[in-house]
Amino acid sequence: RALAEDLVQETLLAAWLGRENYAGTARERT
C-alpha cells in the first residue's frame, strides 16, 4: 500500500508537470 500510494503521487505529479505536453491523442485516463 505505501509504495502504491507513493507511485500514484509520483504519477499525478508527473502528469501535472507534463500537462502542457499532453497531446490529447489518447484519453486522459489512458
PDB file of all heavy atoms in Angstrom:
ATOM      1  N   ARG A   1       0.810  -1.219   0.000  1.00  0.00           N
ATOM      2  CA  ARG A   1       0.000   0.000   0.000  1.00  0.00           C
ATOM      3  C   ARG A   1       0.844   1.270   0.000  1.00  0.00           C
ATOM      4  O   ARG A   1       0.553   2.220  -0.713  1.00  0.00           O
ATOM      5  CB  ARG A   1      -0.946   0.009   1.204  1.00  0.00           C
ATOM      6  CG  ARG A   1      -1.986  -1.090   1.160  1.00  0.00           C
ATOM      7  CD  ARG A   1      -2.934  -1.020   2.337  1.00  0.00           C
ATOM      8  NE  ARG A   1      -3.831   0.109   2.255  1.00  0.00           N
ATOM      9  CZ  ARG A   1      -4.962   0.143   1.554  1.00  0.00           C
ATOM     10  NH1 ARG A   1      -5.322  -0.911   0.858  1.00  0.00           N
ATOM     11  NH2 ARG A   1      -5.720   1.220   1.555  1.00  0.00           N
ATOM     12  N   ALA A   2       1.878   1.301   0.821  1.00  0.00           N
ATOM     13  CA  ALA A   2       2.701   2.505   0.920  1.00  0.00           C
ATOM     14  C   ALA A   2       3.374   2.818  -0.409  1.00  0.00           C
ATOM     15  O   ALA A   2       3.383   3.974  -0.854  1.00  0.00           O
ATOM     16  CB  ALA A   2       3.741   2.352   2.026  1.00  0.00           C
ATOM     17  N   LEU A   3       3.915   1.803  -1.054  1.00  0.00           N
ATOM     18  CA  LEU A   3       4.577   2.012  -2.333  1.00  0.00           C
ATOM     19  C   LEU A   3       3.565   2.382  -3.412  1.00  0.00           C
ATOM     20  O   LEU A   3       3.828   3.245  -4.249  1.00  0.00           O
ATOM     21  CB  LEU A   3       5.375   0.771  -2.733  1.00  0.00           C
ATOM     22  CG  LEU A   3       6.248   0.891  -3.960  1.00  0.00           C
ATOM     23  CD1 LEU A   3       7.200   2.086  -3.868  1.00  0.00           C
ATOM     24  CD2 LEU A   3       7.035  -0.395  -4.163  1.00  0.00           C
ATOM     25  N   ALA A   4       2.383   1.768  -3.375  1.00  0.00           N
ATOM     26  CA  ALA A   4       1.329   2.109  -4.335  1.00  0.00           C
ATOM     27  C   ALA A   4       0.931   3.576  -4.188  1.00  0.00           C
ATOM     28  O   ALA A   4       0.789   4.288  -5.187  1.00  0.00           O
ATOM     29  CB  ALA A   4       0.117   1.204  -4.145  1.00  0.00           C
ATOM     30  N   GLU A   5       0.777   4.029  -2.954  1.00  0.00           N
ATOM     31  CA  GLU A   5       0.442   5.441  -2.718  1.00  0.00           C
ATOM     32  C   GLU A   5       1.537   6.356  -3.247  1.00  0.00           C
ATOM     33  O   GLU A   5       1.252   7.372  -3.894  1.00  0.00           O
ATOM     34  CB  GLU A   5       0.242   5.694  -1.221  1.00  0.00           C
ATOM     35  CG  GLU A   5      -1.026   5.108  -0.671  1.00  0.00           C
ATOM     36  CD  GLU A   5      -1.130   5.229   0.843  1.00  0.00           C
ATOM     37  OE1 GLU A   5      -0.205   5.799   1.474  1.00  0.00           O
ATOM     38  OE2 GLU A   5      -2.124   4.747   1.392  1.00  0.00           O
ATOM     39  N   ASP A   6       2.797   5.998  -2.980  1.00  0.00           N
ATOM     40  CA  ASP A   6       3.919   6.814  -3.451  1.00  0.00           C
ATOM     41  C   ASP A   6       3.936   6.911  -4.975  1.00  0.00           C
ATOM     42  O   ASP A   6       4.113   8.001  -5.539  1.00  0.00           O
ATOM     43  CB  ASP A   6       5.257   6.237  -2.976  1.00  0.00           C
ATOM     44  CG  ASP A   6       5.505   6.455  -1.499  1.00  0.00           C
ATOM     45  OD1 ASP A   6       4.767   7.250  -0.878  1.00  0.00           O
ATOM     46  OD2 ASP A   6       6.443   5.829  -0.965  1.00  0.00           O
ATOM     47  N   LEU A   7       3.736   5.771  -5.642  1.00  0.00           N
ATOM     48  CA  LEU A   7       3.800   5.787  -7.108  1.00  0.00           C
ATOM     49  C   LEU A   7       2.610   6.517  -7.723  1.00  0.00           C
ATOM     50  O   LEU A   7       2.756   7.154  -8.770  1.00  0.00           O
ATOM     51  CB  LEU A   7       3.937   4.366  -7.653  1.00  0.00           C
ATOM     52  CG  LEU A   7       5.275   3.693  -7.343  1.00  0.00           C
ATOM     53  CD1 LEU A   7       5.333   2.298  -7.945  1.00  0.00           C
ATOM     54  CD2 LEU A   7       6.443   4.528  -7.834  1.00  0.00           C
ATOM     55  N   VAL A   8       1.453   6.455  -7.095  1.00  0.00           N
ATOM     56  CA  VAL A   8       0.304   7.222  -7.589  1.00  0.00           C
ATOM     57  C   VAL A   8       0.579   8.716  -7.416  1.00  0.00           C
ATOM     58  O   VAL A   8       0.301   9.513  -8.320  1.00  0.00           O
ATOM     59  CB  VAL A   8      -1.005   6.788  -6.898  1.00  0.00           C
ATOM     60  CG1 VAL A   8      -2.138   7.759  -7.204  1.00  0.00           C
ATOM     61  CG2 VAL A   8      -1.384   5.380  -7.337  1.00  0.00           C
ATOM     62  N   GLN A   9       1.165   9.097  -6.289  1.00  0.00           N
ATOM     63  CA  GLN A   9       1.514  10.506  -6.097  1.00  0.00           C
ATOM     64  C   GLN A   9       2.539  10.961  -7.139  1.00  0.00           C
ATOM     65  O   GLN A   9       2.417  12.050  -7.703  1.00  0.00           O
ATOM     66  CB  GLN A   9       2.062  10.733  -4.690  1.00  0.00           C
ATOM     67  CG  GLN A   9       1.001  10.663  -3.627  1.00  0.00           C
ATOM     68  CD  GLN A   9       1.574  10.838  -2.230  1.00  0.00           C
ATOM     69  OE1 GLN A   9       2.725  11.201  -2.052  1.00  0.00           O
ATOM     70  NE2 GLN A   9       0.744  10.570  -1.234  1.00  0.00           N
ATOM     71  N   GLU A  10       3.534  10.111  -7.402  1.00  0.00           N
ATOM     72  CA  GLU A  10       4.527  10.444  -8.428  1.00  0.00           C
ATOM     73  C   GLU A  10       3.878  10.546  -9.801  1.00  0.00           C
ATOM     74  O   GLU A  10       4.260  11.394 -10.615  1.00  0.00           O
ATOM     75  CB  GLU A  10       5.634   9.396  -8.448  1.00  0.00           C
ATOM     76  CG  GLU A  10       6.557   9.464  -7.259  1.00  0.00           C
ATOM     77  CD  GLU A  10       7.668   8.435  -7.333  1.00  0.00           C
ATOM     78  OE1 GLU A  10       7.998   7.966  -8.443  1.00  0.00           O
ATOM     79  OE2 GLU A  10       8.209   8.094  -6.265  1.00  0.00           O
ATOM     80  N   THR A  11       2.892   9.693 -10.061  1.00  0.00           N
ATOM     81  CA  THR A  11       2.165   9.726 -11.331  1.00  0.00           C
ATOM     82  C   THR A  11       1.421  11.042 -11.490  1.00  0.00           C
ATOM     83  O   THR A  11       1.492  11.686 -12.535  1.00  0.00           O
ATOM     84  CB  THR A  11       1.177   8.543 -11.407  1.00  0.00           C
ATOM     85  OG1 THR A  11       1.920   7.325 -11.385  1.00  0.00           O
ATOM     86  CG2 THR A  11       0.319   8.612 -12.660  1.00  0.00           C
ATOM     87  N   LEU A  12       0.705  11.440 -10.445  1.00  0.00           N
ATOM     88  CA  LEU A  12      -0.058  12.687 -10.508  1.00  0.00           C
ATOM     89  C   LEU A  12       0.869  13.894 -10.649  1.00  0.00           C
ATOM     90  O   LEU A  12       0.563  14.833 -11.391  1.00  0.00           O
ATOM     91  CB  LEU A  12      -0.957  12.813  -9.282  1.00  0.00           C
ATOM     92  CG  LEU A  12      -2.086  11.776  -9.211  1.00  0.00           C
ATOM     93  CD1 LEU A  12      -2.745  11.794  -7.844  1.00  0.00           C
ATOM     94  CD2 LEU A  12      -3.099  11.987 -10.319  1.00  0.00           C
ATOM     95  N   LEU A  13       2.000  13.860  -9.975  1.00  0.00           N
ATOM     96  CA  LEU A  13       2.968  14.948 -10.099  1.00  0.00           C
ATOM     97  C   LEU A  13       3.544  14.999 -11.514  1.00  0.00           C
ATOM     98  O   LEU A  13       3.643  16.076 -12.114  1.00  0.00           O
ATOM     99  CB  LEU A  13       4.096  14.788  -9.077  1.00  0.00           C
ATOM    100  CG  LEU A  13       5.205  15.831  -9.153  1.00  0.00           C
ATOM    101  CD1 LEU A  13       4.654  17.236  -8.920  1.00  0.00           C
ATOM    102  CD2 LEU A  13       6.301  15.506  -8.149  1.00  0.00           C
ATOM    103  N   ALA A  14       3.895  13.840 -12.061  1.00  0.00           N
ATOM    104  CA  ALA A  14       4.430  13.801 -13.426  1.00  0.00           C
ATOM    105  C   ALA A  14       3.391  14.295 -14.429  1.00  0.00           C
ATOM    106  O   ALA A  14       3.727  15.001 -15.391  1.00  0.00           O
ATOM    107  CB  ALA A  14       4.881  12.388 -13.778  1.00  0.00           C
ATOM    108  N   ALA A  15       2.134  13.931 -14.218  1.00  0.00           N
ATOM    109  CA  ALA A  15       1.070  14.408 -15.106  1.00  0.00           C
ATOM    110  C   ALA A  15       0.925  15.922 -14.997  1.00  0.00           C
ATOM    111  O   ALA A  15       0.763  16.619 -16.009  1.00  0.00           O
ATOM    112  CB  ALA A  15      -0.248  13.719 -14.755  1.00  0.00           C
ATOM    113  N   TRP A  16       0.985  16.429 -13.776  1.00  0.00           N
ATOM    114  CA  TRP A  16       0.890  17.882 -13.564  1.00  0.00           C
ATOM    115  C   TRP A  16       2.029  18.591 -14.293  1.00  0.00           C
ATOM    116  O   TRP A  16       1.815  19.569 -15.003  1.00  0.00           O
ATOM    117  CB  TRP A  16       0.916  18.195 -12.074  1.00  0.00           C
ATOM    118  CG  TRP A  16       1.056  19.647 -11.761  1.00  0.00           C
ATOM    119  CD1 TRP A  16       2.187  20.304 -11.396  1.00  0.00           C
ATOM    120  CD2 TRP A  16       0.036  20.651 -11.832  1.00  0.00           C
ATOM    121  NE1 TRP A  16       1.934  21.647 -11.213  1.00  0.00           N
ATOM    122  CE2 TRP A  16       0.618  21.880 -11.480  1.00  0.00           C
ATOM    123  CE3 TRP A  16      -1.314  20.618 -12.153  1.00  0.00           C
ATOM    124  CZ2 TRP A  16      -0.100  23.065 -11.441  1.00  0.00           C
ATOM    125  CZ3 TRP A  16      -2.024  21.803 -12.105  1.00  0.00           C
ATOM    126  CH2 TRP A  16      -1.426  22.998 -11.760  1.00  0.00           C
ATOM    127  N   LEU A  17       3.248  18.096 -14.108  1.00  0.00           N
ATOM    128  CA  LEU A  17       4.411  18.734 -14.724  1.00  0.00           C
ATOM    129  C   LEU A  17       4.402  18.590 -16.251  1.00  0.00           C
ATOM    130  O   LEU A  17       4.913  19.456 -16.955  1.00  0.00           O
ATOM    131  CB  LEU A  17       5.702  18.142 -14.155  1.00  0.00           C
ATOM    132  CG  LEU A  17       5.944  18.415 -12.668  1.00  0.00           C
ATOM    133  CD1 LEU A  17       7.165  17.648 -12.180  1.00  0.00           C
ATOM    134  CD2 LEU A  17       6.082  19.903 -12.397  1.00  0.00           C
ATOM    135  N   GLY A  18       3.808  17.514 -16.757  1.00  0.00           N
ATOM    136  CA  GLY A  18       3.794  17.279 -18.198  1.00  0.00           C
ATOM    137  C   GLY A  18       2.490  17.619 -18.886  1.00  0.00           C
ATOM    138  O   GLY A  18       2.306  17.327 -20.068  1.00  0.00           O
ATOM    139  N   ARG A  19       1.580  18.272 -18.166  1.00  0.00           N
ATOM    140  CA  ARG A  19       0.246  18.539 -18.723  1.00  0.00           C
ATOM    141  C   ARG A  19       0.280  19.395 -19.983  1.00  0.00           C
ATOM    142  O   ARG A  19      -0.569  19.254 -20.853  1.00  0.00           O
ATOM    143  CB  ARG A  19      -0.667  19.133 -17.669  1.00  0.00           C
ATOM    144  CG  ARG A  19      -0.334  20.533 -17.243  1.00  0.00           C
ATOM    145  CD  ARG A  19      -1.108  20.959 -16.000  1.00  0.00           C
ATOM    146  NE  ARG A  19      -0.825  22.320 -15.626  1.00  0.00           N
ATOM    147  CZ  ARG A  19       0.281  22.733 -15.010  1.00  0.00           C
ATOM    148  NH1 ARG A  19       1.218  21.854 -14.709  1.00  0.00           N
ATOM    149  NH2 ARG A  19       0.455  23.994 -14.712  1.00  0.00           N
ATOM    150  N   GLU A  20       1.268  20.256 -20.099  1.00  0.00           N
ATOM    151  CA  GLU A  20       1.366  21.106 -21.297  1.00  0.00           C
ATOM    152  C   GLU A  20       1.763  20.288 -22.523  1.00  0.00           C
ATOM    153  O   GLU A  20       1.472  20.678 -23.657  1.00  0.00           O
ATOM    154  CB  GLU A  20       2.384  22.226 -21.072  1.00  0.00           C
ATOM    155  CG  GLU A  20       2.012  23.178 -19.946  1.00  0.00           C
ATOM    156  CD  GLU A  20       0.696  23.905 -20.185  1.00  0.00           C
ATOM    157  OE1 GLU A  20       0.400  24.264 -21.347  1.00  0.00           O
ATOM    158  OE2 GLU A  20      -0.048  24.108 -19.197  1.00  0.00           O
ATOM    159  N   ASN A  21       2.419  19.149 -22.298  1.00  0.00           N
ATOM    160  CA  ASN A  21       2.860  18.296 -23.412  1.00  0.00           C
ATOM    161  C   ASN A  21       1.848  17.220 -23.770  1.00  0.00           C
ATOM    162  O   ASN A  21       2.075  16.475 -24.723  1.00  0.00           O
ATOM    163  CB  ASN A  21       4.202  17.638 -23.064  1.00  0.00           C
ATOM    164  CG  ASN A  21       5.294  18.656 -22.868  1.00  0.00           C
ATOM    165  OD1 ASN A  21       5.341  19.674 -23.552  1.00  0.00           O
ATOM    166  ND2 ASN A  21       6.162  18.404 -21.906  1.00  0.00           N
ATOM    167  N   TYR A  22       0.766  17.120 -23.011  1.00  0.00           N
ATOM    168  CA  TYR A  22      -0.264  16.123 -23.302  1.00  0.00           C
ATOM    169  C   TYR A  22      -0.938  16.495 -24.614  1.00  0.00           C
ATOM    170  O   TYR A  22      -1.593  17.528 -24.731  1.00  0.00           O
ATOM    171  CB  TYR A  22      -1.276  16.068 -22.152  1.00  0.00           C
ATOM    172  CG  TYR A  22      -2.492  15.227 -22.418  1.00  0.00           C
ATOM    173  CD1 TYR A  22      -2.379  13.890 -22.752  1.00  0.00           C
ATOM    174  CD2 TYR A  22      -3.760  15.774 -22.326  1.00  0.00           C
ATOM    175  CE1 TYR A  22      -3.496  13.109 -22.981  1.00  0.00           C
ATOM    176  CE2 TYR A  22      -4.892  15.010 -22.546  1.00  0.00           C
ATOM    177  CZ  TYR A  22      -4.752  13.677 -22.876  1.00  0.00           C
ATOM    178  OH  TYR A  22      -5.861  12.916 -23.105  1.00  0.00           O
ATOM    179  N   ALA A  23      -0.763  15.630 -25.600  1.00  0.00           N
ATOM    180  CA  ALA A  23      -1.252  15.930 -26.946  1.00  0.00           C
ATOM    181  C   ALA A  23      -2.750  15.705 -27.096  1.00  0.00           C
ATOM    182  O   ALA A  23      -3.366  16.227 -28.021  1.00  0.00           O
ATOM    183  CB  ALA A  23      -0.495  15.081 -27.970  1.00  0.00           C
ATOM    184  N   GLY A  24      -3.336  14.921 -26.224  1.00  0.00           N
ATOM    185  CA  GLY A  24      -4.763  14.659 -26.326  1.00  0.00           C
ATOM    186  C   GLY A  24      -5.117  13.595 -27.337  1.00  0.00           C
ATOM    187  O   GLY A  24      -6.287  13.413 -27.660  1.00  0.00           O
ATOM    188  N   THR A  25      -4.128  12.863 -27.843  1.00  0.00           N
ATOM    189  CA  THR A  25      -4.416  11.812 -28.823  1.00  0.00           C
ATOM    190  C   THR A  25      -4.981  10.559 -28.164  1.00  0.00           C
ATOM    191  O   THR A  25      -5.629   9.761 -28.822  1.00  0.00           O
ATOM    192  CB  THR A  25      -3.150  11.443 -29.622  1.00  0.00           C
ATOM    193  OG1 THR A  25      -2.121  11.073 -28.701  1.00  0.00           O
ATOM    194  CG2 THR A  25      -2.686  12.607 -30.466  1.00  0.00           C
ATOM    195  N   ALA A  26      -4.736  10.396 -26.886  1.00  0.00           N
ATOM    196  CA  ALA A  26      -5.315   9.299 -26.104  1.00  0.00           C
ATOM    197  C   ALA A  26      -6.222   9.911 -25.045  1.00  0.00           C
ATOM    198  O   ALA A  26      -6.080  11.086 -24.699  1.00  0.00           O
ATOM    199  CB  ALA A  26      -4.212   8.486 -25.437  1.00  0.00           C
ATOM    200  N   ARG A  27      -7.128   9.100 -24.531  1.00  0.00           N
ATOM    201  CA  ARG A  27      -7.964   9.598 -23.444  1.00  0.00           C
ATOM    202  C   ARG A  27      -7.082   9.947 -22.258  1.00  0.00           C
ATOM    203  O   ARG A  27      -6.018   9.347 -22.051  1.00  0.00           O
ATOM    204  CB  ARG A  27      -8.994   8.542 -23.046  1.00  0.00           C
ATOM    205  CG  ARG A  27     -10.013   8.344 -24.117  1.00  0.00           C
ATOM    206  CD  ARG A  27     -11.155   7.453 -23.769  1.00  0.00           C
ATOM    207  NE  ARG A  27     -11.021   6.644 -22.568  1.00  0.00           N
ATOM    208  CZ  ARG A  27     -11.797   5.629 -22.289  1.00  0.00           C
ATOM    209  NH1 ARG A  27     -12.748   5.272 -23.099  1.00  0.00           N
ATOM    210  NH2 ARG A  27     -11.637   4.941 -21.169  1.00  0.00           N
ATOM    211  N   GLU A  28      -7.506  10.897 -21.484  1.00  0.00           N
ATOM    212  CA  GLU A  28      -6.734  11.339 -20.332  1.00  0.00           C
ATOM    213  C   GLU A  28      -6.465  10.176 -19.363  1.00  0.00           C
ATOM    214  O   GLU A  28      -5.369  10.043 -18.827  1.00  0.00           O
ATOM    215  CB  GLU A  28      -7.480  12.463 -19.618  1.00  0.00           C
ATOM    216  CG  GLU A  28      -6.680  13.135 -18.533  1.00  0.00           C
ATOM    217  CD  GLU A  28      -7.408  14.348 -18.006  1.00  0.00           C
ATOM    218  OE1 GLU A  28      -8.448  14.165 -17.335  1.00  0.00           O
ATOM    219  OE2 GLU A  28      -6.942  15.476 -18.256  1.00  0.00           O
ATOM    220  N   ARG A  29      -7.446   9.326 -19.173  1.00  0.00           N
ATOM    221  CA  ARG A  29      -7.285   8.155 -18.307  1.00  0.00           C
ATOM    222  C   ARG A  29      -6.170   7.247 -18.825  1.00  0.00           C
ATOM    223  O   ARG A  29      -5.342   6.757 -18.058  1.00  0.00           O
ATOM    224  CB  ARG A  29      -8.608   7.399 -18.215  1.00  0.00           C
ATOM    225  CG  ARG A  29      -8.548   6.144 -17.394  1.00  0.00           C
ATOM    226  CD  ARG A  29      -9.897   5.420 -17.432  1.00  0.00           C
ATOM    227  NE  ARG A  29      -9.800   4.111 -16.857  1.00  0.00           N
ATOM    228  CZ  ARG A  29     -10.121   3.820 -15.608  1.00  0.00           C
ATOM    229  NH1 ARG A  29     -10.573   4.752 -14.812  1.00  0.00           N
ATOM    230  NH2 ARG A  29      -9.999   2.598 -15.156  1.00  0.00           N
ATOM    231  N   THR A  30      -6.138   7.028 -20.111  1.00  0.00           N
ATOM    232  CA  THR A  30      -5.099   6.201 -20.732  1.00  0.00           C
ATOM    233  C   THR A  30      -3.733   6.830 -20.524  1.00  0.00           C
ATOM    234  O   THR A  30      -2.753   6.138 -20.214  1.00  0.00           O
ATOM    235  CB  THR A  30      -5.391   6.020 -22.227  1.00  0.00           C
ATOM    236  OG1 THR A  30      -6.702   5.453 -22.382  1.00  0.00           O
ATOM    237  CG2 THR A  30      -4.358   5.143 -22.903  1.00  0.00           C
TER     238      THR A  30
END
